[in-house]
Amino acid sequence: MSRAEQTPPLVVPRRTQSARLENWSRAFYRFRQSWLSVIGLGIVVALIAAALLAPWIVPYPEHVVGGTNTAAKFQPPSASAWFGTNALGQDMFSLVLVGSRVSLFSGLAVVFIAVAVGTMVGAVAGYFGGWVDEVLMRLTDLLLTIPSLILAMAVAAALGTGVWNMIIAISITWWPAYARLVRGEVIVKKEEQFVVAAHALGASWMRILGRHILPNIVSPIVVKVSLDTGFAILTVASLGFVGIGVKPPTPEWGTLLSEARRYMPDYWWTAVAPGSAIFLAVLAFNLLGDGLRDVLDPRARR
């Protein structure tokens, strides 16, 4: 018998699941350990679903487009009007439900634009360094020295009212924080061996950033996005409250709250409905962000 016949074949054990699936399972396990984070995720999903389905499930669609019913004004919450009615007899539940589309969309759009601009600026500054870093970071520091809400109000007032003008105004004040975060992460990652190897193989700087560095710094960005989304919604509502955001008859939580303050405290439900919606959205995104931070950021895990 030959040596090859005497040697038993090498048996490679099969893994019951891939490493990626195992990592996702562990991440999900850590996330569901915090029941507050699970509640936050549930509320966020419910708010987004309600915003998407609002045009089809709103009980009084005519009130959303400016219709009035003065005979039913200032009715308290009841079975026919869950959140009561306002000074024009409009159903507050319908206005708050449709207003969630503007508030949630605007908040998510602000964060998306801020991430795109901030990531680009921070990645270029951190990778090249030198005078490129100095110029970009001094511009970033200049914007950071101005209070974000004041700067957003000034830009919104200059651009005029409207959803997109409001989004652009807030985004201008939000991207510097992401630029600072990405710059710091890129400075650390560009010294890693896999980046040095890619550079030695002749990869371009765009490929190194897009394929090697940025995919490895997604976790802190995702955590910051989840925490910032609630505050972006609050900023959108703040601009609407002071009168330089979305104008009626388009319903928006901050605008509804601004109109209701004239009737406090006699008709309290006109302010409680949009105010509770803002509070619930901000709380939900903060709870979700706290859970994602525990999962994605090893330095912040309990």
C-alpha atoms as a PDB file:
ATOM      1  CA  MET A   1       0.000   0.000   0.000  1.00  0.00           C
ATOM      2  CA  SER A   2       1.400   3.363  -1.000  1.00  0.00           C
ATOM      3  CA  ARG A   3       1.995   6.264   1.401  1.00  0.00           C
ATOM      4  CA  ALA A   4      -0.832   8.241  -0.258  1.00  0.00           C
ATOM      5  CA  GLU A   5      -3.247   5.400   0.394  1.00  0.00           C
ATOM      6  CA  GLN A   6      -2.218   5.115   4.051  1.00  0.00           C
ATOM      7  CA  THR A   7      -2.660   8.856   4.790  1.00  0.00           C
ATOM      8  CA  PRO A   8      -6.257   9.642   5.711  1.00  0.00           C
ATOM      9  CA  PRO A   9      -7.830  12.485   3.772  1.00  0.00           C
ATOM     10  CA  LEU A  10      -7.854  15.885   5.416  1.00  0.00           C
ATOM     11  CA  VAL A  11     -11.335  16.761   6.599  1.00  0.00           C
ATOM     12  CA  VAL A  12     -12.109  20.480   6.718  1.00  0.00           C
ATOM     13  CA  PRO A  13     -14.903  21.228   9.208  1.00  0.00           C
ATOM     14  CA  ARG A  14     -17.765  23.207   7.813  1.00  0.00           C
ATOM     15  CA  ARG A  15     -18.900  26.291   9.611  1.00  0.00           C
ATOM     16  CA  THR A  16     -22.514  26.258  10.523  1.00  0.00           C
ATOM     17  CA  GLN A  17     -22.811  29.928   9.624  1.00  0.00           C
ATOM     18  CA  SER A  18     -20.700  32.580   8.008  1.00  0.00           C
ATOM     19  CA  ALA A  19     -18.644  35.032  10.020  1.00  0.00           C
ATOM     20  CA  ARG A  20     -20.744  37.902   8.775  1.00  0.00           C
ATOM     21  CA  LEU A  21     -23.987  36.255   9.870  1.00  0.00           C
ATOM     22  CA  GLU A  22     -22.449  35.504  13.231  1.00  0.00           C
ATOM     23  CA  ASN A  23     -21.397  39.133  13.677  1.00  0.00           C
ATOM     24  CA  TRP A  24     -24.901  40.324  12.805  1.00  0.00           C
ATOM     25  CA  SER A  25     -26.354  37.868  15.304  1.00  0.00           C
ATOM     26  CA  ARG A  26     -24.086  39.163  18.047  1.00  0.00           C
ATOM     27  CA  ALA A  27     -24.886  42.759  17.149  1.00  0.00           C
ATOM     28  CA  PHE A  28     -28.609  42.059  17.256  1.00  0.00           C
ATOM     29  CA  TYR A  29     -28.179  40.326  20.610  1.00  0.00           C
ATOM     30  CA  ARG A  30     -26.369  43.342  22.062  1.00  0.00           C
ATOM     31  CA  PHE A  31     -28.966  45.697  20.628  1.00  0.00           C
ATOM     32  CA  ARG A  32     -31.970  43.874  22.085  1.00  0.00           C
ATOM     33  CA  GLN A  33     -30.357  43.813  25.515  1.00  0.00           C
ATOM     34  CA  SER A  34     -31.499  47.428  25.851  1.00  0.00           C
ATOM     35  CA  TRP A  35     -35.298  47.422  25.810  1.00  0.00           C
ATOM     36  CA  LEU A  36     -35.300  51.216  25.521  1.00  0.00           C
ATOM     37  CA  SER A  37     -33.408  50.970  22.232  1.00  0.00           C
ATOM     38  CA  VAL A  38     -35.883  48.400  20.959  1.00  0.00           C
ATOM     39  CA  ILE A  39     -38.739  50.724  21.882  1.00  0.00           C
ATOM     40  CA  GLY A  40     -36.978  53.566  20.072  1.00  0.00           C
ATOM     41  CA  LEU A  41     -36.612  51.424  16.939  1.00  0.00           C
ATOM     42  CA  GLY A  42     -40.288  50.491  17.093  1.00  0.00           C
ATOM     43  CA  ILE A  43     -41.367  54.127  17.399  1.00  0.00           C
ATOM     44  CA  VAL A  44     -39.112  55.186  14.516  1.00  0.00           C
ATOM     45  CA  VAL A  45     -40.537  52.464  12.273  1.00  0.00           C
ATOM     46  CA  ALA A  46     -44.088  53.436  13.271  1.00  0.00           C
ATOM     47  CA  LEU A  47     -43.441  57.146  12.565  1.00  0.00           C
ATOM     48  CA  ILE A  48     -41.926  56.448   9.156  1.00  0.00           C
ATOM     49  CA  ALA A  49     -44.773  54.085   8.254  1.00  0.00           C
ATOM     50  CA  ALA A  50     -47.356  56.667   9.347  1.00  0.00           C
ATOM     51  CA  ALA A  51     -45.620  59.369   7.309  1.00  0.00           C
ATOM     52  CA  LEU A  52     -45.539  57.193   4.188  1.00  0.00           C
ATOM     53  CA  LEU A  53     -49.167  56.105   4.534  1.00  0.00           C
ATOM     54  CA  ALA A  54     -50.510  59.476   5.705  1.00  0.00           C
ATOM     55  CA  PRO A  55     -52.253  60.517   2.446  1.00  0.00           C
ATOM     56  CA  TRP A  56     -54.251  57.289   2.432  1.00  0.00           C
ATOM     57  CA  ILE A  57     -55.111  56.937   6.131  1.00  0.00           C
ATOM     58  CA  VAL A  58     -55.768  60.571   7.068  1.00  0.00           C
ATOM     59  CA  PRO A  59     -59.393  60.888   8.291  1.00  0.00           C
ATOM     60  CA  TYR A  60     -60.022  64.423   6.950  1.00  0.00           C
ATOM     61  CA  PRO A  61     -57.954  64.907   3.761  1.00  0.00           C
ATOM     62  CA  GLU A  62     -59.767  68.146   2.912  1.00  0.00           C
ATOM     63  CA  HIS A  63     -58.378  69.805   6.046  1.00  0.00           C
ATOM     64  CA  VAL A  64     -54.813  69.046   4.963  1.00  0.00           C
ATOM     65  CA  VAL A  65     -55.133  71.126   1.778  1.00  0.00           C
ATOM     66  CA  GLY A  66     -56.651  74.144   3.538  1.00  0.00           C
ATOM     67  CA  GLY A  67     -60.285  73.171   3.994  1.00  0.00           C
ATOM     68  CA  THR A  68     -62.040  74.617   7.040  1.00  0.00           C
ATOM     69  CA  ASN A  69     -65.096  73.888   9.179  1.00  0.00           C
ATOM     70  CA  THR A  70     -65.602  76.836  11.501  1.00  0.00           C
ATOM     71  CA  ALA A  71     -68.733  75.283  12.965  1.00  0.00           C
ATOM     72  CA  ALA A  72     -66.531  72.642  14.601  1.00  0.00           C
ATOM     73  CA  LYS A  73     -63.717  74.880  15.819  1.00  0.00           C
ATOM     74  CA  PHE A  74     -61.946  74.236  19.120  1.00  0.00           C
ATOM     75  CA  GLN A  75     -63.601  70.911  19.766  1.00  0.00           C
ATOM     76  CA  PRO A  76     -61.764  68.930  22.461  1.00  0.00           C
ATOM     77  CA  PRO A  77     -60.375  65.467  21.716  1.00  0.00           C
ATOM     78  CA  SER A  78     -63.154  62.987  21.024  1.00  0.00           C
ATOM     79  CA  ALA A  79     -63.917  59.855  19.049  1.00  0.00           C
ATOM     80  CA  SER A  80     -64.535  61.883  15.886  1.00  0.00           C
ATOM     81  CA  ALA A  81     -61.427  64.081  16.338  1.00  0.00           C
ATOM     82  CA  TRP A  82     -58.761  62.244  18.320  1.00  0.00           C
ATOM     83  CA  PHE A  83     -56.571  65.328  18.822  1.00  0.00           C
ATOM     84  CA  GLY A  84     -59.419  67.864  18.749  1.00  0.00           C
ATOM     85  CA  THR A  85     -59.803  70.708  16.261  1.00  0.00           C
ATOM     86  CA  ASN A  86     -58.128  74.096  15.848  1.00  0.00           C
ATOM     87  CA  ALA A  87     -59.422  77.642  15.305  1.00  0.00           C
ATOM     88  CA  LEU A  88     -60.505  76.799  11.746  1.00  0.00           C
ATOM     89  CA  GLY A  89     -62.257  73.586  12.713  1.00  0.00           C
ATOM     90  CA  GLN A  90     -59.508  71.471  11.140  1.00  0.00           C
ATOM     91  CA  ASP A  91     -58.806  68.045  12.572  1.00  0.00           C
ATOM     92  CA  MET A  92     -55.504  68.201  14.456  1.00  0.00           C
ATOM     93  CA  PHE A  93     -54.855  64.480  14.026  1.00  0.00           C
ATOM     94  CA  SER A  94     -54.996  64.860  10.249  1.00  0.00           C
ATOM     95  CA  LEU A  95     -52.677  67.879  10.325  1.00  0.00           C
ATOM     96  CA  VAL A  96     -50.148  66.199  12.629  1.00  0.00           C
ATOM     97  CA  LEU A  97     -50.224  62.980  10.621  1.00  0.00           C
ATOM     98  CA  VAL A  98     -49.567  64.676   7.282  1.00  0.00           C
ATOM     99  CA  GLY A  99     -47.149  67.101   8.934  1.00  0.00           C
ATOM    100  CA  SER A 100     -44.967  64.139   9.847  1.00  0.00           C
ATOM    101  CA  ARG A 101     -44.107  63.777   6.154  1.00  0.00           C
ATOM    102  CA  VAL A 102     -42.576  67.260   6.031  1.00  0.00           C
ATOM    103  CA  SER A 103     -40.850  67.060   9.418  1.00  0.00           C
ATOM    104  CA  LEU A 104     -39.397  63.564   9.056  1.00  0.00           C
ATOM    105  CA  PHE A 105     -38.418  64.026   5.400  1.00  0.00           C
ATOM    106  CA  SER A 106     -36.756  67.351   6.150  1.00  0.00           C
ATOM    107  CA  GLY A 107     -34.843  65.976   9.130  1.00  0.00           C
ATOM    108  CA  LEU A 108     -33.596  62.943   7.202  1.00  0.00           C
ATOM    109  CA  ALA A 109     -32.695  65.089   4.183  1.00  0.00           C
ATOM    110  CA  VAL A 110     -30.699  67.489   6.368  1.00  0.00           C
ATOM    111  CA  VAL A 111     -28.673  64.647   7.864  1.00  0.00           C
ATOM    112  CA  PHE A 112     -28.132  63.007   4.453  1.00  0.00           C
ATOM    113  CA  ILE A 113     -26.806  66.220   2.894  1.00  0.00           C
ATOM    114  CA  ALA A 114     -24.664  66.962   5.966  1.00  0.00           C
ATOM    115  CA  VAL A 115     -23.147  63.461   5.849  1.00  0.00           C
ATOM    116  CA  ALA A 116     -22.409  63.703   2.116  1.00  0.00           C
ATOM    117  CA  VAL A 117     -20.739  67.119   2.305  1.00  0.00           C
ATOM    118  CA  GLY A 118     -19.018  66.560   5.638  1.00  0.00           C
ATOM    119  CA  THR A 119     -17.648  63.157   4.647  1.00  0.00           C
ATOM    120  CA  MET A 120     -16.208  64.524   1.412  1.00  0.00           C
ATOM    121  CA  VAL A 121     -14.563  67.523   3.095  1.00  0.00           C
ATOM    122  CA  GLY A 122     -13.276  65.546   6.079  1.00  0.00           C
ATOM    123  CA  ALA A 123     -11.931  62.682   3.967  1.00  0.00           C
ATOM    124  CA  VAL A 124      -9.999  64.978   1.624  1.00  0.00           C
ATOM    125  CA  ALA A 125      -8.629  67.060   4.497  1.00  0.00           C
ATOM    126  CA  GLY A 126      -7.566  64.048   6.536  1.00  0.00           C
ATOM    127  CA  TYR A 127      -5.995  62.154   3.648  1.00  0.00           C
ATOM    128  CA  PHE A 128      -3.945  64.933   2.058  1.00  0.00           C
ATOM    129  CA  GLY A 129      -3.140  67.047   5.119  1.00  0.00           C
ATOM    130  CA  GLY A 130      -0.901  70.082   4.646  1.00  0.00           C
ATOM    131  CA  TRP A 131      -2.401  73.243   3.213  1.00  0.00           C
ATOM    132  CA  VAL A 132      -5.489  71.378   1.977  1.00  0.00           C
ATOM    133  CA  ASP A 133      -6.250  70.349   5.546  1.00  0.00           C
ATOM    134  CA  GLU A 134      -5.582  73.866   6.848  1.00  0.00           C
ATOM    135  CA  VAL A 135      -7.900  75.575   4.360  1.00  0.00           C
ATOM    136  CA  LEU A 136     -10.787  73.113   4.735  1.00  0.00           C
ATOM    137  CA  MET A 137     -10.577  72.892   8.514  1.00  0.00           C
ATOM    138  CA  ARG A 138     -10.344  76.648   9.001  1.00  0.00           C
ATOM    139  CA  LEU A 139     -13.538  76.995   6.974  1.00  0.00           C
ATOM    140  CA  THR A 140     -15.078  74.280   9.124  1.00  0.00           C
ATOM    141  CA  ASP A 141     -13.976  76.003  12.328  1.00  0.00           C
ATOM    142  CA  LEU A 142     -15.437  79.277  11.100  1.00  0.00           C
ATOM    143  CA  LEU A 143     -18.872  77.710  10.693  1.00  0.00           C
ATOM    144  CA  LEU A 144     -18.583  75.918  14.031  1.00  0.00           C
ATOM    145  CA  THR A 145     -18.007  79.191  15.868  1.00  0.00           C
ATOM    146  CA  ILE A 146     -21.452  80.477  14.841  1.00  0.00           C
ATOM    147  CA  PRO A 147     -24.450  79.038  16.745  1.00  0.00           C
ATOM    148  CA  SER A 148     -26.090  76.591  14.358  1.00  0.00           C
ATOM    149  CA  LEU A 149     -29.663  77.742  14.934  1.00  0.00           C
ATOM    150  CA  ILE A 150     -28.773  81.416  14.455  1.00  0.00           C
ATOM    151  CA  LEU A 151     -26.877  80.650  11.257  1.00  0.00           C
ATOM    152  CA  ALA A 152     -29.729  78.466   9.973  1.00  0.00           C
ATOM    153  CA  MET A 153     -32.231  81.250  10.667  1.00  0.00           C
ATOM    154  CA  ALA A 154     -30.072  83.774   8.816  1.00  0.00           C
ATOM    155  CA  VAL A 155     -29.617  81.527   5.782  1.00  0.00           C
ATOM    156  CA  ALA A 156     -33.294  80.547   5.719  1.00  0.00           C
ATOM    157  CA  ALA A 157     -34.339  84.189   5.904  1.00  0.00           C
ATOM    158  CA  ALA A 158     -31.998  85.021   3.012  1.00  0.00           C
ATOM    159  CA  LEU A 159     -33.160  82.131   0.829  1.00  0.00           C
ATOM    160  CA  GLY A 160     -36.865  82.570   1.577  1.00  0.00           C
ATOM    161  CA  THR A 161     -39.514  80.184   2.812  1.00  0.00           C
ATOM    162  CA  GLY A 162     -39.957  76.683   1.457  1.00  0.00           C
ATOM    163  CA  VAL A 163     -39.074  73.113   2.333  1.00  0.00           C
ATOM    164  CA  TRP A 164     -35.890  72.891   0.260  1.00  0.00           C
ATOM    165  CA  ASN A 165     -34.631  76.312   1.313  1.00  0.00           C
ATOM    166  CA  MET A 166     -35.088  75.266   4.920  1.00  0.00           C
ATOM    167  CA  ILE A 167     -33.243  71.981   4.326  1.00  0.00           C
ATOM    168  CA  ILE A 168     -30.323  73.756   2.645  1.00  0.00           C
ATOM    169  CA  ALA A 169     -30.146  76.349   5.433  1.00  0.00           C
ATOM    170  CA  ILE A 170     -29.922  73.717   8.163  1.00  0.00           C
ATOM    171  CA  SER A 171     -27.525  71.500   6.198  1.00  0.00           C
ATOM    172  CA  ILE A 172     -25.027  74.359   5.937  1.00  0.00           C
ATOM    173  CA  THR A 173     -24.772  74.409   9.711  1.00  0.00           C
ATOM    174  CA  TRP A 174     -24.603  70.624  10.175  1.00  0.00           C
ATOM    175  CA  TRP A 175     -21.880  69.363   7.834  1.00  0.00           C
ATOM    176  CA  PRO A 176     -18.871  70.788   9.784  1.00  0.00           C
ATOM    177  CA  ALA A 177     -19.408  68.331  12.648  1.00  0.00           C
ATOM    178  CA  TYR A 178     -19.261  65.384  10.229  1.00  0.00           C
ATOM    179  CA  ALA A 179     -16.186  66.848   8.550  1.00  0.00           C
ATOM    180  CA  ARG A 180     -14.399  66.952  11.904  1.00  0.00           C
ATOM    181  CA  LEU A 181     -15.438  63.381  12.740  1.00  0.00           C
ATOM    182  CA  VAL A 182     -14.416  61.922   9.357  1.00  0.00           C
ATOM    183  CA  ARG A 183     -11.116  63.829   9.276  1.00  0.00           C
ATOM    184  CA  GLY A 184     -10.053  62.350  12.607  1.00  0.00           C
ATOM    185  CA  GLU A 185     -10.977  58.819  11.560  1.00  0.00           C
ATOM    186  CA  VAL A 186      -9.209  59.142   8.191  1.00  0.00           C
ATOM    187  CA  ILE A 187      -6.002  60.409   9.821  1.00  0.00           C
ATOM    188  CA  VAL A 188      -5.927  57.268  11.973  1.00  0.00           C
ATOM    189  CA  LYS A 189      -6.886  54.798   9.236  1.00  0.00           C
ATOM    190  CA  LYS A 190      -4.520  56.095   6.558  1.00  0.00           C
ATOM    191  CA  GLU A 191      -1.556  54.858   8.636  1.00  0.00           C
ATOM    192  CA  GLU A 192      -2.877  51.288   8.756  1.00  0.00           C
ATOM    193  CA  GLN A 193      -1.003  48.563   6.899  1.00  0.00           C
ATOM    194  CA  PHE A 194      -3.791  47.783   4.440  1.00  0.00           C
ATOM    195  CA  VAL A 195      -3.830  51.425   3.296  1.00  0.00           C
ATOM    196  CA  VAL A 196      -0.039  51.509   2.971  1.00  0.00           C
ATOM    197  CA  ALA A 197      -0.211  48.290   0.925  1.00  0.00           C
ATOM    198  CA  ALA A 198      -2.902  49.696  -1.374  1.00  0.00           C
ATOM    199  CA  HIS A 199      -0.814  52.832  -1.880  1.00  0.00           C
ATOM    200  CA  ALA A 200       2.265  50.741  -2.677  1.00  0.00           C
ATOM    201  CA  LEU A 201       0.289  48.814  -5.306  1.00  0.00           C
ATOM    202  CA  GLY A 202      -0.436  52.080  -7.093  1.00  0.00           C
ATOM    203  CA  ALA A 203      -4.073  52.611  -6.106  1.00  0.00           C
ATOM    204  CA  SER A 204      -5.350  56.140  -6.646  1.00  0.00           C
ATOM    205  CA  TRP A 205      -6.334  58.321  -3.714  1.00  0.00           C
ATOM    206  CA  MET A 206      -9.985  58.107  -4.685  1.00  0.00           C
ATOM    207  CA  ARG A 207      -9.858  54.302  -4.672  1.00  0.00           C
ATOM    208  CA  ILE A 208      -8.020  54.231  -1.347  1.00  0.00           C
ATOM    209  CA  LEU A 209     -10.605  56.512   0.253  1.00  0.00           C
ATOM    210  CA  GLY A 210     -13.645  54.913  -1.364  1.00  0.00           C
ATOM    211  CA  ARG A 211     -12.670  51.234  -1.122  1.00  0.00           C
ATOM    212  CA  HIS A 212     -10.354  50.999   1.872  1.00  0.00           C
ATOM    213  CA  ILE A 213     -10.716  53.878   4.345  1.00  0.00           C
ATOM    214  CA  LEU A 214     -14.344  55.051   4.262  1.00  0.00           C
ATOM    215  CA  PRO A 215     -15.905  51.559   4.536  1.00  0.00           C
ATOM    216  CA  ASN A 216     -13.912  51.082   7.749  1.00  0.00           C
ATOM    217  CA  ILE A 217     -15.201  54.264   9.406  1.00  0.00           C
ATOM    218  CA  VAL A 218     -18.903  53.765   8.728  1.00  0.00           C
ATOM    219  CA  SER A 219     -19.735  52.779  12.311  1.00  0.00           C
ATOM    220  CA  PRO A 220     -19.117  56.162  14.028  1.00  0.00           C
ATOM    221  CA  ILE A 221     -20.888  57.946  11.172  1.00  0.00           C
ATOM    222  CA  VAL A 222     -23.982  55.741  11.507  1.00  0.00           C
ATOM    223  CA  VAL A 223     -24.059  56.312  15.253  1.00  0.00           C
ATOM    224  CA  LYS A 224     -23.842  60.078  14.834  1.00  0.00           C
ATOM    225  CA  VAL A 225     -26.530  60.039  12.121  1.00  0.00           C
ATOM    226  CA  SER A 226     -28.966  58.178  14.355  1.00  0.00           C
ATOM    227  CA  LEU A 227     -28.355  60.603  17.209  1.00  0.00           C
ATOM    228  CA  ASP A 228     -28.486  63.719  15.012  1.00  0.00           C
ATOM    229  CA  THR A 229     -31.692  62.894  13.148  1.00  0.00           C
ATOM    230  CA  GLY A 230     -33.869  63.717  16.140  1.00  0.00           C
ATOM    231  CA  PHE A 231     -32.146  67.060  16.646  1.00  0.00           C
ATOM    232  CA  ALA A 232     -32.474  67.812  12.927  1.00  0.00           C
ATOM    233  CA  ILE A 233     -36.238  67.299  13.229  1.00  0.00           C
ATOM    234  CA  LEU A 234     -36.218  69.608  16.241  1.00  0.00           C
ATOM    235  CA  THR A 235     -34.306  72.264  14.278  1.00  0.00           C
ATOM    236  CA  VAL A 236     -36.792  72.010  11.398  1.00  0.00           C
ATOM    237  CA  ALA A 237     -39.622  72.522  13.872  1.00  0.00           C
ATOM    238  CA  SER A 238     -37.777  75.470  15.427  1.00  0.00           C
ATOM    239  CA  LEU A 239     -37.530  77.281  12.094  1.00  0.00           C
ATOM    240  CA  GLY A 240     -41.210  76.622  11.467  1.00  0.00           C
ATOM    241  CA  PHE A 241     -42.044  77.895  14.934  1.00  0.00           C
ATOM    242  CA  VAL A 242     -40.327  81.258  14.385  1.00  0.00           C
ATOM    243  CA  GLY A 243     -42.006  81.657  11.004  1.00  0.00           C
ATOM    244  CA  ILE A 244     -39.154  81.144   8.526  1.00  0.00           C
ATOM    245  CA  GLY A 245     -39.811  77.504   7.695  1.00  0.00           C
ATOM    246  CA  VAL A 246     -42.759  75.962   5.896  1.00  0.00           C
ATOM    247  CA  LYS A 247     -45.732  78.271   5.459  1.00  0.00           C
ATOM    248  CA  PRO A 248     -49.415  77.302   5.861  1.00  0.00           C
ATOM    249  CA  PRO A 249     -51.511  75.655   4.562  1.00  0.00           C
ATOM    250  CA  THR A 250     -48.728  73.035   4.366  1.00  0.00           C
ATOM    251  CA  PRO A 251     -48.873  71.315   7.781  1.00  0.00           C
ATOM    252  CA  GLU A 252     -45.611  71.021   9.682  1.00  0.00           C
ATOM    253  CA  TRP A 253     -45.119  70.324  13.380  1.00  0.00           C
ATOM    254  CA  GLY A 254     -43.304  73.562  14.194  1.00  0.00           C
ATOM    255  CA  THR A 255     -45.799  75.690  12.253  1.00  0.00           C
ATOM    256  CA  LEU A 256     -48.750  73.970  13.939  1.00  0.00           C
ATOM    257  CA  LEU A 257     -47.177  74.592  17.331  1.00  0.00           C
ATOM    258  CA  SER A 258     -46.572  78.249  16.506  1.00  0.00           C
ATOM    259  CA  GLU A 259     -50.210  78.768  15.530  1.00  0.00           C
ATOM    260  CA  ALA A 260     -51.438  76.993  18.664  1.00  0.00           C
ATOM    261  CA  ARG A 261     -49.517  79.144  21.147  1.00  0.00           C
ATOM    262  CA  ARG A 262     -52.051  81.966  20.747  1.00  0.00           C
ATOM    263  CA  TYR A 263     -54.791  79.780  22.169  1.00  0.00           C
ATOM    264  CA  MET A 264     -52.964  78.468  25.219  1.00  0.00           C
ATOM    265  CA  PRO A 265     -53.958  77.417  27.807  1.00  0.00           C
ATOM    266  CA  ASP A 266     -57.704  77.427  27.026  1.00  0.00           C
ATOM    267  CA  TYR A 267     -57.398  75.156  23.978  1.00  0.00           C
ATOM    268  CA  TRP A 268     -54.376  73.192  25.086  1.00  0.00           C
ATOM    269  CA  TRP A 269     -54.893  70.278  22.699  1.00  0.00           C
ATOM    270  CA  THR A 270     -53.941  72.403  19.685  1.00  0.00           C
ATOM    271  CA  ALA A 271     -50.407  72.659  21.090  1.00  0.00           C
ATOM    272  CA  VAL A 272     -50.145  69.285  22.802  1.00  0.00           C
ATOM    273  CA  ALA A 273     -50.699  67.329  19.576  1.00  0.00           C
ATOM    274  CA  PRO A 274     -47.767  68.708  17.492  1.00  0.00           C
ATOM    275  CA  GLY A 275     -45.614  69.153  20.581  1.00  0.00           C
ATOM    276  CA  SER A 276     -46.062  65.503  21.530  1.00  0.00           C
ATOM    277  CA  ALA A 277     -45.187  64.444  17.977  1.00  0.00           C
ATOM    278  CA  ILE A 278     -41.919  66.412  18.113  1.00  0.00           C
ATOM    279  CA  PHE A 279     -41.092  64.994  21.545  1.00  0.00           C
ATOM    280  CA  LEU A 280     -41.831  61.430  20.446  1.00  0.00           C
ATOM    281  CA  ALA A 281     -39.708  61.687  17.277  1.00  0.00           C
ATOM    282  CA  VAL A 282     -36.698  63.200  19.062  1.00  0.00           C
ATOM    283  CA  LEU A 283     -36.935  60.667  21.900  1.00  0.00           C
ATOM    284  CA  ALA A 284     -37.234  57.710  19.521  1.00  0.00           C
ATOM    285  CA  PHE A 285     -34.207  58.632  17.423  1.00  0.00           C
ATOM    286  CA  ASN A 286     -32.124  59.263  20.538  1.00  0.00           C
ATOM    287  CA  LEU A 287     -33.058  55.880  22.004  1.00  0.00           C
ATOM    288  CA  LEU A 288     -32.252  54.222  18.678  1.00  0.00           C
ATOM    289  CA  GLY A 289     -28.938  56.055  18.449  1.00  0.00           C
ATOM    290  CA  ASP A 290     -28.001  54.983  21.953  1.00  0.00           C
ATOM    291  CA  GLY A 291     -28.607  51.348  21.033  1.00  0.00           C
ATOM    292  CA  LEU A 292     -26.628  51.607  17.791  1.00  0.00           C
ATOM    293  CA  ARG A 293     -23.766  53.225  19.667  1.00  0.00           C
ATOM    294  CA  ASP A 294     -23.574  50.220  21.988  1.00  0.00           C
ATOM    295  CA  VAL A 295     -23.528  47.870  18.991  1.00  0.00           C
ATOM    296  CA  LEU A 296     -21.257  49.695  16.544  1.00  0.00           C
ATOM    297  CA  ASP A 297     -18.877  51.646  18.774  1.00  0.00           C
ATOM    298  CA  PRO A 298     -16.723  49.262  20.874  1.00  0.00           C
ATOM    299  CA  ARG A 299     -15.456  52.147  23.026  1.00  0.00           C
ATOM    300  CA  ALA A 300     -19.010  53.012  24.139  1.00  0.00           C
ATOM    301  CA  ARG A 301     -20.297  49.526  24.904  1.00  0.00           C
ATOM    302  CA  ARG A 302     -21.483  48.927  28.406  1.00  0.00           C
END
